[in-house]
Amino acid sequence: MFSFGIKDIVDIILFAVLLFYVYRLMKESGTINIFYGVLSFIVVWVLASEIFDMRLIGTILDRFMAIGLIILVILFQEPIKRFLVELGSHRRWQFLRKLFRHHHAEMDAAALSWVMPVVYACMSMSKSKTGALIVIERSITLEPYAKSGDVIDANINTRLIENIFFKNSPLHDGAMIIANNRIEAAGCILPVSHDSDVPRSLGLRHRSALGIAQATDAVAVVVSEETGNISIAHRGKLTTRVSTTELEPRLNAIGMMTGLR
């Protein structure tokens, strides 16, 4: 006799949560179509093998599933790595930190000390239409991207940021990476997003900002060289035309919400 108990309910809930998390992760990384394709294949496989008991198709799909999982791991090792890193990230267990919030108030203020220097620099560069791309590291390390540029390892300073992105500076074309409350590197090369939803009017800086936001959990701030407009790329989404008055509360909100370093 078929029985359905509490264990089955918990099993279904956990599977639904895992499925939703994978869906959100792939949506942010720009691979949502692959998620739909894999999900459709799994549905067909279950229908053919388990429900309608189609032996020939079921056997073929069983063999394909065994090989397909290995292929998926090879092709999407970066999204899988990001999934595991985010799962183990301290941000997923912030409810424990909240129990000891009063002990971490000073640490939280120090962790967000990068916000105002970045805001002031972006405001100044926006007025002068100086192009800039600033990336702030979170739980996923940006060390591979930092190695593609020149090491700075300096305190975060508004004038230093402006000087690095000055039009005659040799480092102004690349990205600046901020990690552990320091300017780690500049002139860095980032992955470029090929998302078709990005307007054609936006250039390589915006596509690079979106690319790093899709490949990692970093936050990228862009100042357009053509218009002076400020944009923010975060969690696989690009928000354009962020006003100078909105920039500080947006960055603070992101930092406080996600435990940004």
C-alpha atoms as a PDB file:
ATOM      1  CA  MET A   1       0.000   0.000   0.000  1.00  0.00           C
ATOM      2  CA  PHE A   2       1.235   3.484  -0.919  1.00  0.00           C
ATOM      3  CA  SER A   3       1.973   5.591   2.163  1.00  0.00           C
ATOM      4  CA  PHE A   4       2.694   9.300   2.355  1.00  0.00           C
ATOM      5  CA  GLY A   5       4.132  10.669   5.574  1.00  0.00           C
ATOM      6  CA  ILE A   6       6.019  13.577   7.087  1.00  0.00           C
ATOM      7  CA  LYS A   7       9.314  12.280   5.708  1.00  0.00           C
ATOM      8  CA  ASP A   8       7.944  12.474   2.172  1.00  0.00           C
ATOM      9  CA  ILE A   9       6.707  16.027   2.744  1.00  0.00           C
ATOM     10  CA  VAL A  10      10.158  17.074   4.001  1.00  0.00           C
ATOM     11  CA  ASP A  11      11.732  15.310   1.026  1.00  0.00           C
ATOM     12  CA  ILE A  12       9.547  17.242  -1.436  1.00  0.00           C
ATOM     13  CA  ILE A  13      10.167  20.580   0.304  1.00  0.00           C
ATOM     14  CA  LEU A  14      13.948  20.089   0.303  1.00  0.00           C
ATOM     15  CA  PHE A  15      13.906  19.125  -3.371  1.00  0.00           C
ATOM     16  CA  ALA A  16      11.784  22.195  -4.222  1.00  0.00           C
ATOM     17  CA  VAL A  17      14.164  24.494  -2.322  1.00  0.00           C
ATOM     18  CA  LEU A  18      17.186  22.961  -4.064  1.00  0.00           C
ATOM     19  CA  LEU A  19      15.504  23.280  -7.459  1.00  0.00           C
ATOM     20  CA  PHE A  20      14.611  26.921  -6.820  1.00  0.00           C
ATOM     21  CA  TYR A  21      18.153  27.723  -5.690  1.00  0.00           C
ATOM     22  CA  VAL A  22      19.653  26.124  -8.809  1.00  0.00           C
ATOM     23  CA  TYR A  23      17.115  28.007 -10.953  1.00  0.00           C
ATOM     24  CA  ARG A  24      18.016  31.361  -9.381  1.00  0.00           C
ATOM     25  CA  LEU A  25      21.743  30.682  -9.667  1.00  0.00           C
ATOM     26  CA  MET A  26      21.524  29.779 -13.366  1.00  0.00           C
ATOM     27  CA  LYS A  27      19.252  32.747 -14.051  1.00  0.00           C
ATOM     28  CA  GLU A  28      21.823  35.088 -12.513  1.00  0.00           C
ATOM     29  CA  SER A  29      24.642  33.475 -14.505  1.00  0.00           C
ATOM     30  CA  GLY A  30      22.756  33.823 -17.816  1.00  0.00           C
ATOM     31  CA  THR A  31      22.359  30.054 -18.343  1.00  0.00           C
ATOM     32  CA  ILE A  32      18.636  29.820 -17.598  1.00  0.00           C
ATOM     33  CA  ASN A  33      17.855  28.270 -21.013  1.00  0.00           C
ATOM     34  CA  ILE A  34      20.154  25.375 -20.159  1.00  0.00           C
ATOM     35  CA  PHE A  35      18.250  24.906 -16.888  1.00  0.00           C
ATOM     36  CA  TYR A  36      14.968  24.665 -18.796  1.00  0.00           C
ATOM     37  CA  GLY A  37      16.518  22.192 -21.234  1.00  0.00           C
ATOM     38  CA  VAL A  38      17.917  19.931 -18.498  1.00  0.00           C
ATOM     39  CA  LEU A  39      14.630  20.091 -16.566  1.00  0.00           C
ATOM     40  CA  SER A  40      12.645  19.148 -19.682  1.00  0.00           C
ATOM     41  CA  PHE A  41      14.978  16.227 -20.337  1.00  0.00           C
ATOM     42  CA  ILE A  42      14.572  14.979 -16.763  1.00  0.00           C
ATOM     43  CA  VAL A  43      10.765  15.173 -17.048  1.00  0.00           C
ATOM     44  CA  VAL A  44      10.821  13.140 -20.290  1.00  0.00           C
ATOM     45  CA  TRP A  45      13.204  10.633 -18.688  1.00  0.00           C
ATOM     46  CA  VAL A  46      10.963  10.139 -15.642  1.00  0.00           C
ATOM     47  CA  LEU A  47       7.837   9.796 -17.802  1.00  0.00           C
ATOM     48  CA  ALA A  48       9.444   7.281 -20.138  1.00  0.00           C
ATOM     49  CA  SER A  49      11.280   5.204 -17.518  1.00  0.00           C
ATOM     50  CA  GLU A  50       9.098   5.316 -14.419  1.00  0.00           C
ATOM     51  CA  ILE A  51       5.522   6.128 -15.437  1.00  0.00           C
ATOM     52  CA  PHE A  52       4.988   4.664 -18.926  1.00  0.00           C
ATOM     53  CA  ASP A  53       7.700   1.985 -18.562  1.00  0.00           C
ATOM     54  CA  MET A  54       9.065   2.434 -22.100  1.00  0.00           C
ATOM     55  CA  ARG A  55      11.997   0.026 -22.000  1.00  0.00           C
ATOM     56  CA  LEU A  56      13.854   1.037 -25.160  1.00  0.00           C
ATOM     57  CA  ILE A  57      13.643   4.804 -24.685  1.00  0.00           C
ATOM     58  CA  GLY A  58      14.083   4.388 -20.939  1.00  0.00           C
ATOM     59  CA  THR A  59      17.298   2.390 -21.378  1.00  0.00           C
ATOM     60  CA  ILE A  60      18.727   4.926 -23.849  1.00  0.00           C
ATOM     61  CA  LEU A  61      17.849   7.849 -21.583  1.00  0.00           C
ATOM     62  CA  ASP A  62      19.314   6.028 -18.559  1.00  0.00           C
ATOM     63  CA  ARG A  63      22.655   5.666 -20.332  1.00  0.00           C
ATOM     64  CA  PHE A  64      22.522   9.248 -21.565  1.00  0.00           C
ATOM     65  CA  MET A  65      21.799  10.535 -18.039  1.00  0.00           C
ATOM     66  CA  ALA A  66      24.902   8.794 -16.669  1.00  0.00           C
ATOM     67  CA  ILE A  67      27.112  10.414 -19.337  1.00  0.00           C
ATOM     68  CA  GLY A  68      25.170  13.685 -19.390  1.00  0.00           C
ATOM     69  CA  LEU A  69      25.839  14.424 -15.729  1.00  0.00           C
ATOM     70  CA  ILE A  70      29.598  14.163 -16.316  1.00  0.00           C
ATOM     71  CA  ILE A  71      29.330  16.432 -19.375  1.00  0.00           C
ATOM     72  CA  LEU A  72      27.337  19.011 -17.402  1.00  0.00           C
ATOM     73  CA  VAL A  73      29.956  19.041 -14.634  1.00  0.00           C
ATOM     74  CA  ILE A  74      32.721  19.631 -17.206  1.00  0.00           C
ATOM     75  CA  LEU A  75      30.860  22.340 -19.118  1.00  0.00           C
ATOM     76  CA  PHE A  76      29.506  24.189 -16.095  1.00  0.00           C
ATOM     77  CA  GLN A  77      32.212  23.761 -13.486  1.00  0.00           C
ATOM     78  CA  GLU A  78      32.270  27.507 -12.740  1.00  0.00           C
ATOM     79  CA  PRO A  79      28.504  27.793 -11.978  1.00  0.00           C
ATOM     80  CA  ILE A  80      28.726  24.594  -9.908  1.00  0.00           C
ATOM     81  CA  LYS A  81      31.715  25.986  -8.027  1.00  0.00           C
ATOM     82  CA  ARG A  82      29.811  29.213  -7.403  1.00  0.00           C
ATOM     83  CA  PHE A  83      26.804  27.233  -6.162  1.00  0.00           C
ATOM     84  CA  LEU A  84      28.914  25.336  -3.610  1.00  0.00           C
ATOM     85  CA  VAL A  85      30.769  28.471  -2.477  1.00  0.00           C
ATOM     86  CA  GLU A  86      27.511  30.399  -1.986  1.00  0.00           C
ATOM     87  CA  LEU A  87      25.973  27.454  -0.147  1.00  0.00           C
ATOM     88  CA  GLY A  88      28.825  27.443   2.343  1.00  0.00           C
ATOM     89  CA  SER A  89      29.094  31.218   2.516  1.00  0.00           C
ATOM     90  CA  HIS A  90      28.597  32.957   5.858  1.00  0.00           C
ATOM     91  CA  ARG A  91      25.847  34.995   4.207  1.00  0.00           C
ATOM     92  CA  ARG A  92      23.649  31.898   4.128  1.00  0.00           C
ATOM     93  CA  TRP A  93      23.871  31.631   7.894  1.00  0.00           C
ATOM     94  CA  GLN A  94      23.317  35.262   8.830  1.00  0.00           C
ATOM     95  CA  PHE A  95      20.546  34.348  11.231  1.00  0.00           C
ATOM     96  CA  LEU A  96      23.316  33.106  13.566  1.00  0.00           C
ATOM     97  CA  ARG A  97      25.165  36.418  13.265  1.00  0.00           C
ATOM     98  CA  LYS A  98      22.024  38.314  14.174  1.00  0.00           C
ATOM     99  CA  LEU A  99      22.012  36.550  17.539  1.00  0.00           C
ATOM    100  CA  PHE A 100      25.312  38.286  18.286  1.00  0.00           C
ATOM    101  CA  ARG A 101      24.663  41.475  16.313  1.00  0.00           C
ATOM    102  CA  HIS A 102      25.742  43.819  19.082  1.00  0.00           C
ATOM    103  CA  HIS A 103      29.217  42.248  19.069  1.00  0.00           C
ATOM    104  CA  HIS A 104      29.669  42.868  15.358  1.00  0.00           C
ATOM    105  CA  ALA A 105      28.410  46.448  14.971  1.00  0.00           C
ATOM    106  CA  GLU A 106      31.914  47.903  14.739  1.00  0.00           C
ATOM    107  CA  MET A 107      33.019  45.145  12.351  1.00  0.00           C
ATOM    108  CA  ASP A 108      30.042  45.829  10.068  1.00  0.00           C
ATOM    109  CA  ALA A 109      30.866  49.547   9.960  1.00  0.00           C
ATOM    110  CA  ALA A 110      34.476  48.765   9.055  1.00  0.00           C
ATOM    111  CA  ALA A 111      33.353  46.309   6.377  1.00  0.00           C
ATOM    112  CA  LEU A 112      31.405  49.073   4.625  1.00  0.00           C
ATOM    113  CA  SER A 113      34.171  51.676   4.855  1.00  0.00           C
ATOM    114  CA  TRP A 114      34.806  51.304   1.106  1.00  0.00           C
ATOM    115  CA  VAL A 115      31.377  52.713   0.195  1.00  0.00           C
ATOM    116  CA  MET A 116      31.940  56.452   0.608  1.00  0.00           C
ATOM    117  CA  PRO A 117      35.328  56.655  -1.182  1.00  0.00           C
ATOM    118  CA  VAL A 118      33.807  54.756  -4.122  1.00  0.00           C
ATOM    119  CA  VAL A 119      30.679  56.955  -4.099  1.00  0.00           C
ATOM    120  CA  TYR A 120      32.660  60.221  -4.041  1.00  0.00           C
ATOM    121  CA  ALA A 121      34.985  59.001  -6.796  1.00  0.00           C
ATOM    122  CA  CYS A 122      32.049  57.928  -8.982  1.00  0.00           C
ATOM    123  CA  MET A 123      30.295  61.267  -8.436  1.00  0.00           C
ATOM    124  CA  SER A 124      33.415  63.145  -9.536  1.00  0.00           C
ATOM    125  CA  MET A 125      34.077  60.865 -12.516  1.00  0.00           C
ATOM    126  CA  SER A 126      30.427  61.071 -13.553  1.00  0.00           C
ATOM    127  CA  LYS A 127      30.660  64.876 -13.773  1.00  0.00           C
ATOM    128  CA  SER A 128      33.847  64.748 -15.853  1.00  0.00           C
ATOM    129  CA  LYS A 129      32.643  61.747 -17.921  1.00  0.00           C
ATOM    130  CA  THR A 130      35.618  59.658 -16.916  1.00  0.00           C
ATOM    131  CA  GLY A 131      35.042  55.983 -17.673  1.00  0.00           C
ATOM    132  CA  ALA A 132      35.507  53.597 -14.740  1.00  0.00           C
ATOM    133  CA  LEU A 133      34.821  50.014 -13.690  1.00  0.00           C
ATOM    134  CA  ILE A 134      35.130  49.153  -9.985  1.00  0.00           C
ATOM    135  CA  VAL A 135      34.531  45.592  -8.753  1.00  0.00           C
ATOM    136  CA  ILE A 136      34.084  44.731  -5.067  1.00  0.00           C
ATOM    137  CA  GLU A 137      34.844  41.170  -3.991  1.00  0.00           C
ATOM    138  CA  ARG A 138      32.416  39.215  -1.832  1.00  0.00           C
ATOM    139  CA  SER A 139      32.575  35.557  -0.820  1.00  0.00           C
ATOM    140  CA  ILE A 140      33.937  34.276  -4.161  1.00  0.00           C
ATOM    141  CA  THR A 141      37.563  35.255  -4.625  1.00  0.00           C
ATOM    142  CA  LEU A 142      38.510  37.522  -7.511  1.00  0.00           C
ATOM    143  CA  GLU A 143      42.188  36.583  -7.333  1.00  0.00           C
ATOM    144  CA  PRO A 144      42.316  35.036 -10.855  1.00  0.00           C
ATOM    145  CA  TYR A 145      40.995  38.305 -12.308  1.00  0.00           C
ATOM    146  CA  ALA A 146      43.259  40.431 -10.097  1.00  0.00           C
ATOM    147  CA  LYS A 147      46.290  38.566 -11.466  1.00  0.00           C
ATOM    148  CA  SER A 148      45.396  39.747 -14.973  1.00  0.00           C
ATOM    149  CA  GLY A 149      46.085  43.349 -13.929  1.00  0.00           C
ATOM    150  CA  ASP A 150      48.688  45.247 -11.924  1.00  0.00           C
ATOM    151  CA  VAL A 151      48.899  44.831  -8.157  1.00  0.00           C
ATOM    152  CA  ILE A 152      48.107  48.031  -6.229  1.00  0.00           C
ATOM    153  CA  ASP A 153      47.515  46.841  -2.641  1.00  0.00           C
ATOM    154  CA  ALA A 154      46.630  50.288  -1.303  1.00  0.00           C
ATOM    155  CA  ASN A 155      44.102  51.825   1.050  1.00  0.00           C
ATOM    156  CA  ILE A 156      40.819  52.814  -0.575  1.00  0.00           C
ATOM    157  CA  ASN A 157      41.078  56.497  -1.364  1.00  0.00           C
ATOM    158  CA  THR A 158      38.867  58.693  -3.542  1.00  0.00           C
ATOM    159  CA  ARG A 159      41.730  60.542  -5.216  1.00  0.00           C
ATOM    160  CA  LEU A 160      43.634  57.331  -5.875  1.00  0.00           C
ATOM    161  CA  ILE A 161      40.568  55.859  -7.603  1.00  0.00           C
ATOM    162  CA  GLU A 162      40.195  58.994  -9.733  1.00  0.00           C
ATOM    163  CA  ASN A 163      43.904  58.987 -10.654  1.00  0.00           C
ATOM    164  CA  ILE A 164      43.794  55.333 -11.708  1.00  0.00           C
ATOM    165  CA  PHE A 165      40.875  55.995 -14.066  1.00  0.00           C
ATOM    166  CA  PHE A 166      42.269  59.299 -15.371  1.00  0.00           C
ATOM    167  CA  LYS A 167      42.163  59.184 -19.173  1.00  0.00           C
ATOM    168  CA  ASN A 168      45.949  59.342 -19.539  1.00  0.00           C
ATOM    169  CA  SER A 169      46.567  56.644 -16.945  1.00  0.00           C
ATOM    170  CA  PRO A 170      47.846  53.304 -18.327  1.00  0.00           C
ATOM    171  CA  LEU A 171      45.385  51.460 -16.054  1.00  0.00           C
ATOM    172  CA  HIS A 172      42.202  53.359 -16.905  1.00  0.00           C
ATOM    173  CA  ASP A 173      40.928  50.852 -19.484  1.00  0.00           C
ATOM    174  CA  GLY A 174      40.778  47.847 -17.156  1.00  0.00           C
ATOM    175  CA  ALA A 175      38.810  47.102 -14.003  1.00  0.00           C
ATOM    176  CA  MET A 176      39.763  47.984 -10.449  1.00  0.00           C
ATOM    177  CA  ILE A 177      39.283  45.205  -7.888  1.00  0.00           C
ATOM    178  CA  ILE A 178      38.595  45.978  -4.229  1.00  0.00           C
ATOM    179  CA  ALA A 179      39.046  43.122  -1.761  1.00  0.00           C
ATOM    180  CA  ASN A 180      39.417  43.009   2.024  1.00  0.00           C
ATOM    181  CA  ASN A 181      38.901  46.778   2.259  1.00  0.00           C
ATOM    182  CA  ARG A 182      41.891  47.497  -0.005  1.00  0.00           C
ATOM    183  CA  ILE A 183      42.427  48.319  -3.659  1.00  0.00           C
ATOM    184  CA  GLU A 184      43.957  45.017  -4.667  1.00  0.00           C
ATOM    185  CA  ALA A 185      44.613  45.543  -8.387  1.00  0.00           C
ATOM    186  CA  ALA A 186      43.805  47.709 -11.407  1.00  0.00           C
ATOM    187  CA  GLY A 187      43.829  47.276 -15.158  1.00  0.00           C
ATOM    188  CA  CYS A 188      42.215  43.861 -14.710  1.00  0.00           C
ATOM    189  CA  ILE A 189      40.535  41.849 -17.466  1.00  0.00           C
ATOM    190  CA  LEU A 190      37.028  40.547 -16.723  1.00  0.00           C
ATOM    191  CA  PRO A 191      34.757  38.034 -18.468  1.00  0.00           C
ATOM    192  CA  VAL A 192      32.409  39.681 -20.968  1.00  0.00           C
ATOM    193  CA  SER A 193      28.687  38.945 -20.841  1.00  0.00           C
ATOM    194  CA  HIS A 194      27.029  37.898 -24.092  1.00  0.00           C
ATOM    195  CA  ASP A 195      23.538  38.482 -22.713  1.00  0.00           C
ATOM    196  CA  SER A 196      21.296  39.591 -25.575  1.00  0.00           C
ATOM    197  CA  ASP A 197      19.221  41.758 -23.214  1.00  0.00           C
ATOM    198  CA  VAL A 198      22.064  44.253 -22.777  1.00  0.00           C
ATOM    199  CA  PRO A 199      21.317  47.379 -24.885  1.00  0.00           C
ATOM    200  CA  ARG A 200      23.657  47.859 -27.833  1.00  0.00           C
ATOM    201  CA  SER A 201      24.318  51.412 -26.680  1.00  0.00           C
ATOM    202  CA  LEU A 202      26.273  50.053 -23.702  1.00  0.00           C
ATOM    203  CA  GLY A 203      29.934  49.306 -24.226  1.00  0.00           C
ATOM    204  CA  LEU A 204      32.544  46.829 -23.087  1.00  0.00           C
ATOM    205  CA  ARG A 205      32.720  48.183 -19.515  1.00  0.00           C
ATOM    206  CA  HIS A 206      29.032  47.436 -18.930  1.00  0.00           C
ATOM    207  CA  ARG A 207      29.288  43.979 -20.486  1.00  0.00           C
ATOM    208  CA  SER A 208      32.353  43.242 -18.368  1.00  0.00           C
ATOM    209  CA  ALA A 209      30.538  44.426 -15.224  1.00  0.00           C
ATOM    210  CA  LEU A 210      27.602  42.160 -16.015  1.00  0.00           C
ATOM    211  CA  GLY A 211      29.987  39.328 -16.895  1.00  0.00           C
ATOM    212  CA  ILE A 212      31.730  39.397 -13.514  1.00  0.00           C
ATOM    213  CA  ALA A 213      28.345  39.695 -11.747  1.00  0.00           C
ATOM    214  CA  GLN A 214      27.186  36.562 -13.579  1.00  0.00           C
ATOM    215  CA  ALA A 215      30.410  34.597 -13.048  1.00  0.00           C
ATOM    216  CA  THR A 216      30.811  35.531  -9.355  1.00  0.00           C
ATOM    217  CA  ASP A 217      28.856  37.187  -6.547  1.00  0.00           C
ATOM    218  CA  ALA A 218      30.861  40.422  -6.845  1.00  0.00           C
ATOM    219  CA  VAL A 219      29.358  43.905  -7.171  1.00  0.00           C
ATOM    220  CA  ALA A 220      30.513  46.081 -10.065  1.00  0.00           C
ATOM    221  CA  VAL A 221      30.059  49.846 -10.412  1.00  0.00           C
ATOM    222  CA  VAL A 222      30.420  51.407 -13.867  1.00  0.00           C
ATOM    223  CA  VAL A 223      30.798  55.039 -14.922  1.00  0.00           C
ATOM    224  CA  SER A 224      30.082  55.592 -18.613  1.00  0.00           C
ATOM    225  CA  GLU A 225      32.740  57.518 -20.552  1.00  0.00           C
ATOM    226  CA  GLU A 226      30.172  58.662 -23.129  1.00  0.00           C
ATOM    227  CA  THR A 227      27.318  59.825 -20.880  1.00  0.00           C
ATOM    228  CA  GLY A 228      28.696  59.907 -17.348  1.00  0.00           C
ATOM    229  CA  ASN A 229      25.830  57.662 -16.222  1.00  0.00           C
ATOM    230  CA  ILE A 230      26.455  55.278 -13.313  1.00  0.00           C
ATOM    231  CA  SER A 231      25.413  51.616 -13.419  1.00  0.00           C
ATOM    232  CA  ILE A 232      25.533  48.759 -10.902  1.00  0.00           C
ATOM    233  CA  ALA A 233      25.889  45.066 -11.767  1.00  0.00           C
ATOM    234  CA  HIS A 234      24.897  42.690  -8.981  1.00  0.00           C
ATOM    235  CA  ARG A 235      23.592  39.116  -8.838  1.00  0.00           C
ATOM    236  CA  GLY A 236      23.571  38.791 -12.601  1.00  0.00           C
ATOM    237  CA  LYS A 237      21.562  41.975 -13.209  1.00  0.00           C
ATOM    238  CA  LEU A 238      22.637  45.349 -14.584  1.00  0.00           C
ATOM    239  CA  THR A 239      20.925  48.476 -13.244  1.00  0.00           C
ATOM    240  CA  THR A 240      21.617  51.530 -15.389  1.00  0.00           C
ATOM    241  CA  ARG A 241      21.166  55.253 -14.808  1.00  0.00           C
ATOM    242  CA  VAL A 242      21.734  55.126 -11.054  1.00  0.00           C
ATOM    243  CA  SER A 243      21.748  58.707  -9.795  1.00  0.00           C
ATOM    244  CA  THR A 244      24.524  59.974  -7.537  1.00  0.00           C
ATOM    245  CA  THR A 245      22.018  60.328  -4.689  1.00  0.00           C
ATOM    246  CA  GLU A 246      20.905  56.707  -5.115  1.00  0.00           C
ATOM    247  CA  LEU A 247      24.395  55.242  -5.315  1.00  0.00           C
ATOM    248  CA  GLU A 248      25.304  55.388  -1.613  1.00  0.00           C
ATOM    249  CA  PRO A 249      22.057  53.872  -0.237  1.00  0.00           C
ATOM    250  CA  ARG A 250      22.120  51.171  -2.938  1.00  0.00           C
ATOM    251  CA  LEU A 251      25.677  50.106  -2.107  1.00  0.00           C
ATOM    252  CA  ASN A 252      25.002  50.281   1.628  1.00  0.00           C
ATOM    253  CA  ALA A 253      21.841  48.208   1.213  1.00  0.00           C
ATOM    254  CA  ILE A 254      23.706  45.569  -0.791  1.00  0.00           C
ATOM    255  CA  GLY A 255      26.513  45.486   1.756  1.00  0.00           C
ATOM    256  CA  MET A 256      24.261  45.229   4.820  1.00  0.00           C
ATOM    257  CA  MET A 257      21.974  42.668   3.173  1.00  0.00           C
ATOM    258  CA  THR A 258      24.681  40.313   1.972  1.00  0.00           C
ATOM    259  CA  GLY A 259      27.521  40.872   4.415  1.00  0.00           C
ATOM    260  CA  LEU A 260      29.708  42.467   1.751  1.00  0.00           C
ATOM    261  CA  ARG A 261      33.358  42.645   2.556  1.00  0.00           C
END
